[in-house]
Amino acid sequence: MTTFTQLVTAVSGMSVTGVTRQLSYTPNSISTADCPLSFPRLPGGGKPEIVSTCFTSGRTKSIDLVVVIDPAGQNTTDANFAATVAMADNLETAVSSLSFSGHRLTYAISMDTAVNTDNTGYWAVVLTVTIDKL
């Protein structure tokens, strides 16, 4: 079974085109000079109710990788919108290279302007990676 440490290391260490700086932890503050900046949020996991054991043991682990594009509210909506959509494409390409032996990997990508790390809202893309033990 893949550990939380292995999951965080693999996802936060992915090579994502366009990311200027990769962190392996959630920062207390963000410098716009580092943007686009990626960082993981704390992982989660568990054993939800199993409806069928045909495909999975029911044990899951998940992690969010946040890519901060730029602070919101700086009158650069069109540029930040375009950069956010392009980063979503880059994240999809990067996550396609991940593999966890003995696990099924699923992911979801969302775009938001509400990511708040240091009391500042940011344009951001959030990749949620979930693995299920087969």
Protein backbone atom coordinates (compact mmCIF):
# COMPACT_ATOMS: atom_id res chain seq x y z
CA MET A 1 0.00 0.00 0.00
CA THR A 2 1.31 3.42 -0.92
CA THR A 3 1.91 5.57 2.16
CA PHE A 4 0.74 9.16 2.62
CA THR A 5 4.38 10.24 2.46
CA GLN A 6 4.87 8.51 -0.90
CA LEU A 7 1.67 10.06 -2.27
CA VAL A 8 2.60 13.59 -1.17
CA THR A 9 6.17 13.20 -2.50
CA ALA A 10 5.01 11.91 -5.89
CA VAL A 11 2.29 14.50 -6.46
CA SER A 12 4.17 17.53 -5.12
CA GLY A 13 7.26 16.46 -7.08
CA MET A 14 5.51 16.17 -10.46
CA SER A 15 7.06 18.21 -13.22
CA VAL A 16 4.35 20.66 -14.33
CA THR A 17 5.05 22.89 -17.32
CA GLY A 18 4.79 26.56 -16.38
CA VAL A 19 5.26 26.15 -12.62
CA THR A 20 8.02 28.50 -11.46
CA ARG A 21 8.47 27.06 -7.96
CA GLN A 22 7.42 23.77 -6.37
CA LEU A 23 7.02 23.41 -2.62
CA SER A 24 6.58 20.16 -0.70
CA TYR A 25 4.48 21.88 1.99
CA THR A 26 1.71 24.46 2.30
CA PRO A 27 3.36 27.90 2.61
CA ASN A 28 2.47 30.53 5.19
CA SER A 29 2.70 33.23 2.54
CA ILE A 30 3.24 33.53 -1.20
CA SER A 31 5.54 35.85 -3.09
CA THR A 32 4.17 36.83 -6.49
CA ALA A 33 7.74 36.47 -7.80
CA ASP A 34 7.34 32.70 -7.24
CA CYS A 35 4.07 32.41 -9.18
CA PRO A 36 2.95 30.13 -10.64
CA LEU A 37 3.71 28.26 -7.43
CA SER A 38 2.63 24.72 -6.56
CA PHE A 39 2.17 23.17 -3.13
CA PRO A 40 0.31 20.23 -1.59
CA ARG A 41 -2.41 20.46 0.99
CA LEU A 42 -2.54 17.92 3.80
CA PRO A 43 -3.61 14.52 2.46
CA GLY A 44 -6.64 12.52 3.48
CA GLY A 45 -7.86 8.98 3.23
CA GLY A 46 -10.01 6.31 4.67
CA LYS A 47 -12.12 3.29 4.06
CA PRO A 48 -15.57 4.34 2.84
CA GLU A 49 -18.55 2.01 2.65
CA ILE A 50 -17.88 -0.70 0.07
CA VAL A 51 -20.69 -1.42 -2.36
CA SER A 52 -18.66 -3.91 -4.41
CA THR A 53 -15.22 -5.42 -3.91
CA CYS A 54 -14.79 -6.14 -7.62
CA PHE A 55 -12.44 -3.23 -8.28
CA THR A 56 -11.01 -1.93 -5.03
CA SER A 57 -10.29 -2.83 -1.42
CA GLY A 58 -12.12 0.34 -0.40
CA ARG A 59 -9.00 1.97 1.07
CA THR A 60 -8.30 5.36 -0.46
CA LYS A 61 -5.80 8.17 -0.11
CA SER A 62 -6.04 11.62 -1.68
CA ILE A 63 -4.02 14.80 -1.95
CA ASP A 64 -4.63 18.27 -3.41
CA LEU A 65 -1.93 20.00 -5.39
CA VAL A 66 -2.61 23.73 -5.59
CA VAL A 67 -1.06 25.86 -8.32
CA VAL A 68 -1.31 29.56 -7.51
CA ILE A 69 -1.33 31.75 -10.60
CA ASP A 70 -1.61 35.34 -9.32
CA PRO A 71 -3.43 37.40 -6.68
CA ALA A 72 -7.08 38.08 -7.51
CA GLY A 73 -8.48 41.58 -7.79
CA GLN A 74 -5.61 43.20 -9.66
CA ASN A 75 -7.56 44.07 -12.83
CA THR A 76 -5.84 41.29 -14.78
CA THR A 77 -8.87 39.02 -15.04
CA ASP A 78 -8.50 38.14 -18.73
CA ALA A 79 -4.81 37.25 -18.44
CA ASN A 80 -5.28 35.30 -15.21
CA PHE A 81 -8.30 33.45 -16.59
CA ALA A 82 -6.28 32.36 -19.63
CA ALA A 83 -3.27 31.39 -17.48
CA THR A 84 -5.49 29.38 -15.14
CA VAL A 85 -7.09 27.43 -17.99
CA ALA A 86 -3.68 26.76 -19.57
CA MET A 87 -2.34 25.54 -16.20
CA ALA A 88 -5.28 23.11 -15.94
CA ASP A 89 -4.12 21.59 -19.24
CA ASN A 90 -0.53 21.40 -17.95
CA LEU A 91 -1.67 19.66 -14.75
CA GLU A 92 -3.69 17.13 -16.72
CA THR A 93 -0.63 16.31 -18.80
CA ALA A 94 1.56 15.98 -15.69
CA VAL A 95 -0.84 13.78 -13.71
CA SER A 96 -1.07 11.42 -16.68
CA SER A 97 2.54 10.43 -16.00
CA LEU A 98 1.85 9.31 -12.41
CA SER A 99 1.52 5.64 -11.58
CA PHE A 100 1.13 3.86 -8.27
CA SER A 101 1.69 0.12 -8.52
CA GLY A 102 -1.34 -1.84 -7.34
CA HIS A 103 -3.52 1.26 -7.20
CA ARG A 104 -6.17 2.84 -9.38
CA LEU A 105 -5.56 6.57 -9.79
CA THR A 106 -8.35 9.07 -10.38
CA TYR A 107 -8.14 12.85 -10.43
CA ALA A 108 -10.22 16.00 -10.59
CA ILE A 109 -9.17 19.50 -11.62
CA SER A 110 -10.91 22.66 -10.46
CA MET A 111 -10.19 26.33 -10.97
CA ASP A 112 -10.85 28.93 -8.32
CA THR A 113 -10.17 32.50 -7.28
CA ALA A 114 -10.75 31.82 -3.61
CA VAL A 115 -7.59 29.98 -2.60
CA ASN A 116 -6.45 31.79 0.51
CA THR A 117 -3.09 31.10 2.10
CA ASP A 118 -2.01 34.41 3.62
CA ASN A 119 -5.31 36.34 3.79
CA THR A 120 -5.04 37.00 0.05
CA GLY A 121 -7.28 35.47 -2.61
CA TYR A 122 -5.47 33.94 -5.58
CA TRP A 123 -6.31 32.64 -9.00
CA ALA A 124 -5.50 28.97 -8.68
CA VAL A 125 -5.91 25.51 -10.12
CA VAL A 126 -6.45 22.60 -7.72
CA LEU A 127 -5.62 19.04 -8.75
CA THR A 128 -7.08 16.36 -6.49
CA VAL A 129 -5.42 12.97 -6.89
CA THR A 130 -7.05 9.90 -5.32
CA ILE A 131 -5.65 6.40 -5.26
CA ASP A 132 -7.56 3.22 -4.41
CA LYS A 133 -5.81 0.04 -3.35
CA LEU A 134 -6.75 -2.72 -5.81
